[in-house]
Amino acid sequence: MMQYGDIFVEVRQRVAAFKMWADFCRTKYSIPEYAKAKEGDYLDEAYRFLYTSASRDFIKYCARREKMRFNDYCANMGIDKKQLI
């Protein structure tokens, strides 16, 4: 299984991906706004994100946000689609 830290390796990629993940989860799972969280909680969530198994639904969301097709996004990011959950 791929983890998000395996996909998003550069710091800027990780920051952007974590922000997209926060938006994705907020709309789908009603997670409280991260801007209101304590710094320690925010960092904990960021690290947890990096070590979470990569989800097909979230990668599809990223592709849409980047205005790319899913297969193209996976190819550009080096994602093995078979390793997504």
N, C-alpha and C. Protein backbone atom coordinates (compact mmCIF):
# COMPACT_ATOMS: atom_id res chain seq x y z
N MET A 1 0.83 -1.19 0.00
CA MET A 1 0.00 0.00 0.00
C MET A 1 0.87 1.25 0.00
N MET A 2 0.52 2.19 -0.83
CA MET A 2 1.21 3.48 -0.87
C MET A 2 0.65 4.37 0.24
N GLN A 3 1.55 5.17 0.80
CA GLN A 3 1.13 6.18 1.76
C GLN A 3 1.24 7.53 1.08
N TYR A 4 0.52 8.51 1.62
CA TYR A 4 0.58 9.84 1.01
C TYR A 4 1.98 10.42 1.03
N GLY A 5 2.77 10.09 2.03
CA GLY A 5 4.15 10.56 2.10
C GLY A 5 5.01 10.00 0.97
N ASP A 6 4.62 8.83 0.44
CA ASP A 6 5.33 8.24 -0.71
C ASP A 6 4.99 8.97 -2.01
N ILE A 7 3.79 9.53 -2.07
CA ILE A 7 3.32 10.19 -3.28
C ILE A 7 3.76 11.65 -3.31
N PHE A 8 3.52 12.32 -2.21
CA PHE A 8 3.84 13.76 -2.11
C PHE A 8 5.16 13.88 -1.36
N VAL A 9 6.26 13.98 -2.09
CA VAL A 9 7.58 13.90 -1.47
C VAL A 9 8.21 15.26 -1.18
N GLU A 10 7.88 16.25 -1.96
CA GLU A 10 8.45 17.59 -1.74
C GLU A 10 7.60 18.34 -0.73
N VAL A 11 8.22 19.23 0.01
CA VAL A 11 7.51 19.98 1.07
C VAL A 11 6.31 20.72 0.50
N ARG A 12 6.47 21.40 -0.61
CA ARG A 12 5.36 22.16 -1.20
C ARG A 12 4.22 21.23 -1.62
N GLN A 13 4.56 20.07 -2.16
CA GLN A 13 3.54 19.09 -2.52
C GLN A 13 2.79 18.63 -1.28
N ARG A 14 3.52 18.38 -0.21
CA ARG A 14 2.90 17.89 1.03
C ARG A 14 1.96 18.93 1.62
N VAL A 15 2.38 20.17 1.60
CA VAL A 15 1.52 21.25 2.14
C VAL A 15 0.25 21.35 1.31
N ALA A 16 0.40 21.39 -0.01
CA ALA A 16 -0.76 21.51 -0.90
C ALA A 16 -1.68 20.29 -0.75
N ALA A 17 -1.10 19.10 -0.69
CA ALA A 17 -1.90 17.88 -0.57
C ALA A 17 -2.64 17.85 0.77
N PHE A 18 -1.97 18.28 1.84
CA PHE A 18 -2.63 18.28 3.14
C PHE A 18 -3.80 19.25 3.15
N LYS A 19 -3.64 20.40 2.53
CA LYS A 19 -4.74 21.36 2.45
C LYS A 19 -5.91 20.78 1.65
N MET A 20 -5.59 20.10 0.54
CA MET A 20 -6.66 19.47 -0.24
C MET A 20 -7.32 18.36 0.57
N TRP A 21 -6.52 17.59 1.31
CA TRP A 21 -7.06 16.51 2.13
C TRP A 21 -8.00 17.07 3.20
N ALA A 22 -7.60 18.20 3.81
CA ALA A 22 -8.45 18.84 4.82
C ALA A 22 -9.78 19.26 4.18
N ASP A 23 -9.73 19.84 2.98
CA ASP A 23 -10.96 20.22 2.28
C ASP A 23 -11.79 19.00 1.93
N PHE A 24 -11.15 17.97 1.44
CA PHE A 24 -11.82 16.73 1.06
C PHE A 24 -12.54 16.11 2.26
N CYS A 25 -11.87 16.03 3.37
CA CYS A 25 -12.46 15.42 4.56
C CYS A 25 -13.54 16.29 5.18
N ARG A 26 -13.35 17.58 5.16
CA ARG A 26 -14.33 18.48 5.75
C ARG A 26 -15.68 18.34 5.06
N THR A 27 -15.66 18.27 3.74
CA THR A 27 -16.91 18.19 3.02
C THR A 27 -17.51 16.79 3.13
N LYS A 28 -16.67 15.79 3.22
CA LYS A 28 -17.18 14.42 3.24
C LYS A 28 -17.41 13.90 4.66
N TYR A 29 -16.59 14.32 5.60
CA TYR A 29 -16.67 13.78 6.95
C TYR A 29 -16.93 14.82 8.03
N SER A 30 -17.15 16.07 7.66
CA SER A 30 -17.44 17.15 8.60
C SER A 30 -16.39 17.32 9.68
N ILE A 31 -15.13 17.29 9.31
CA ILE A 31 -14.04 17.53 10.26
C ILE A 31 -14.00 19.02 10.56
N PRO A 32 -13.77 19.42 11.82
CA PRO A 32 -13.72 20.86 12.16
C PRO A 32 -12.64 21.57 11.36
N GLU A 33 -12.80 22.85 11.22
CA GLU A 33 -11.84 23.65 10.45
C GLU A 33 -10.47 23.60 11.11
N TYR A 34 -9.46 23.36 10.30
CA TYR A 34 -8.09 23.25 10.82
C TYR A 34 -7.56 24.60 11.31
N ALA A 35 -8.09 25.69 10.78
CA ALA A 35 -7.62 27.01 11.21
C ALA A 35 -7.90 27.25 12.68
N LYS A 36 -8.89 26.57 13.22
CA LYS A 36 -9.26 26.74 14.62
C LYS A 36 -8.52 25.77 15.54
N ALA A 37 -7.78 24.86 14.97
CA ALA A 37 -7.08 23.83 15.76
C ALA A 37 -5.81 24.39 16.38
N LYS A 38 -5.40 23.80 17.49
CA LYS A 38 -4.12 24.15 18.10
C LYS A 38 -3.00 23.66 17.19
N GLU A 39 -1.84 24.33 17.29
CA GLU A 39 -0.73 23.97 16.40
C GLU A 39 -0.34 22.50 16.54
N GLY A 40 -0.28 22.00 17.76
CA GLY A 40 0.07 20.60 17.97
C GLY A 40 -0.91 19.65 17.32
N ASP A 41 -2.20 19.98 17.41
CA ASP A 41 -3.22 19.14 16.78
C ASP A 41 -3.11 19.18 15.26
N TYR A 42 -2.84 20.38 14.73
CA TYR A 42 -2.69 20.55 13.29
C TYR A 42 -1.51 19.74 12.77
N LEU A 43 -0.37 19.83 13.48
CA LEU A 43 0.82 19.08 13.07
C LEU A 43 0.59 17.58 13.19
N ASP A 44 -0.10 17.17 14.24
CA ASP A 44 -0.43 15.76 14.41
C ASP A 44 -1.24 15.25 13.22
N GLU A 45 -2.22 16.04 12.80
CA GLU A 45 -3.03 15.66 11.64
C GLU A 45 -2.20 15.62 10.36
N ALA A 46 -1.28 16.56 10.22
CA ALA A 46 -0.43 16.59 9.02
C ALA A 46 0.45 15.34 8.96
N TYR A 47 1.07 14.97 10.07
CA TYR A 47 1.90 13.76 10.09
C TYR A 47 1.05 12.50 9.90
N ARG A 48 -0.11 12.48 10.50
CA ARG A 48 -1.00 11.33 10.33
C ARG A 48 -1.37 11.19 8.86
N PHE A 49 -1.64 12.31 8.19
CA PHE A 49 -1.96 12.29 6.76
C PHE A 49 -0.83 11.64 5.96
N LEU A 50 0.41 12.03 6.21
CA LEU A 50 1.55 11.52 5.44
C LEU A 50 1.72 10.02 5.57
N TYR A 51 1.33 9.46 6.71
CA TYR A 51 1.52 8.03 6.96
C TYR A 51 0.23 7.23 6.84
N THR A 52 -0.75 7.81 6.17
CA THR A 52 -2.01 7.13 5.91
C THR A 52 -1.93 6.45 4.56
N SER A 53 -2.54 5.26 4.45
CA SER A 53 -2.59 4.58 3.15
C SER A 53 -3.39 5.43 2.17
N ALA A 54 -2.88 5.54 0.97
CA ALA A 54 -3.47 6.41 -0.04
C ALA A 54 -4.79 5.84 -0.56
N SER A 55 -5.78 6.69 -0.61
CA SER A 55 -7.12 6.33 -1.03
C SER A 55 -7.38 6.74 -2.48
N ARG A 56 -8.01 5.86 -3.21
CA ARG A 56 -8.36 6.13 -4.61
C ARG A 56 -9.28 7.36 -4.69
N ASP A 57 -10.24 7.47 -3.76
CA ASP A 57 -11.17 8.59 -3.79
C ASP A 57 -10.45 9.93 -3.63
N PHE A 58 -9.48 9.99 -2.71
CA PHE A 58 -8.76 11.25 -2.51
C PHE A 58 -7.88 11.57 -3.72
N ILE A 59 -7.25 10.57 -4.29
CA ILE A 59 -6.40 10.83 -5.46
C ILE A 59 -7.26 11.30 -6.63
N LYS A 60 -8.46 10.75 -6.78
CA LYS A 60 -9.39 11.24 -7.81
C LYS A 60 -9.75 12.70 -7.54
N TYR A 61 -9.96 13.03 -6.27
CA TYR A 61 -10.26 14.40 -5.88
C TYR A 61 -9.10 15.33 -6.26
N CYS A 62 -7.88 14.90 -5.97
CA CYS A 62 -6.69 15.70 -6.32
C CYS A 62 -6.61 15.92 -7.83
N ALA A 63 -6.87 14.86 -8.58
CA ALA A 63 -6.82 14.97 -10.04
C ALA A 63 -7.84 15.99 -10.54
N ARG A 64 -9.06 15.93 -10.00
CA ARG A 64 -10.08 16.91 -10.40
C ARG A 64 -9.66 18.33 -10.05
N ARG A 65 -9.09 18.51 -8.85
CA ARG A 65 -8.66 19.85 -8.43
C ARG A 65 -7.54 20.38 -9.32
N GLU A 66 -6.71 19.47 -9.83
CA GLU A 66 -5.62 19.86 -10.72
C GLU A 66 -6.05 19.89 -12.18
N LYS A 67 -7.35 19.64 -12.41
CA LYS A 67 -7.94 19.63 -13.76
C LYS A 67 -7.24 18.61 -14.67
N MET A 68 -7.05 17.42 -14.10
CA MET A 68 -6.41 16.33 -14.84
C MET A 68 -7.29 15.10 -14.79
N ARG A 69 -7.09 14.22 -15.75
CA ARG A 69 -7.74 12.91 -15.68
C ARG A 69 -7.01 12.06 -14.65
N PHE A 70 -7.74 11.17 -14.03
CA PHE A 70 -7.20 10.32 -12.97
C PHE A 70 -5.95 9.57 -13.43
N ASN A 71 -6.02 8.92 -14.59
CA ASN A 71 -4.88 8.15 -15.08
C ASN A 71 -3.66 9.02 -15.34
N ASP A 72 -3.88 10.21 -15.88
CA ASP A 72 -2.78 11.14 -16.14
C ASP A 72 -2.16 11.62 -14.83
N TYR A 73 -3.01 11.92 -13.87
CA TYR A 73 -2.51 12.37 -12.56
C TYR A 73 -1.64 11.28 -11.92
N CYS A 74 -2.13 10.06 -11.96
CA CYS A 74 -1.37 8.93 -11.39
C CYS A 74 -0.03 8.77 -12.10
N ALA A 75 -0.04 8.87 -13.41
CA ALA A 75 1.21 8.73 -14.18
C ALA A 75 2.19 9.85 -13.81
N ASN A 76 1.70 11.07 -13.72
CA ASN A 76 2.57 12.21 -13.39
C ASN A 76 3.14 12.13 -11.98
N MET A 77 2.37 11.59 -11.04
CA MET A 77 2.78 11.55 -9.65
C MET A 77 3.48 10.24 -9.29
N GLY A 78 3.57 9.31 -10.24
CA GLY A 78 4.22 8.03 -9.97
C GLY A 78 3.41 7.14 -9.06
N ILE A 79 2.10 7.21 -9.17
CA ILE A 79 1.20 6.44 -8.32
C ILE A 79 0.88 5.11 -8.98
N ASP A 80 1.10 4.03 -8.25
CA ASP A 80 0.69 2.70 -8.69
C ASP A 80 -0.77 2.52 -8.26
N LYS A 81 -1.69 2.59 -9.22
CA LYS A 81 -3.12 2.55 -8.91
C LYS A 81 -3.52 1.28 -8.17
N LYS A 82 -2.78 0.19 -8.36
CA LYS A 82 -3.09 -1.06 -7.67
C LYS A 82 -2.82 -0.97 -6.18
N GLN A 83 -2.02 0.00 -5.76
CA GLN A 83 -1.67 0.13 -4.35
C GLN A 83 -2.57 1.11 -3.59
N LEU A 84 -3.57 1.67 -4.29
CA LEU A 84 -4.51 2.57 -3.63
C LEU A 84 -5.61 1.76 -2.95
N ILE A 85 -6.09 2.27 -1.83
CA ILE A 85 -7.20 1.56 -1.16
C ILE A 85 -8.52 2.15 -1.57
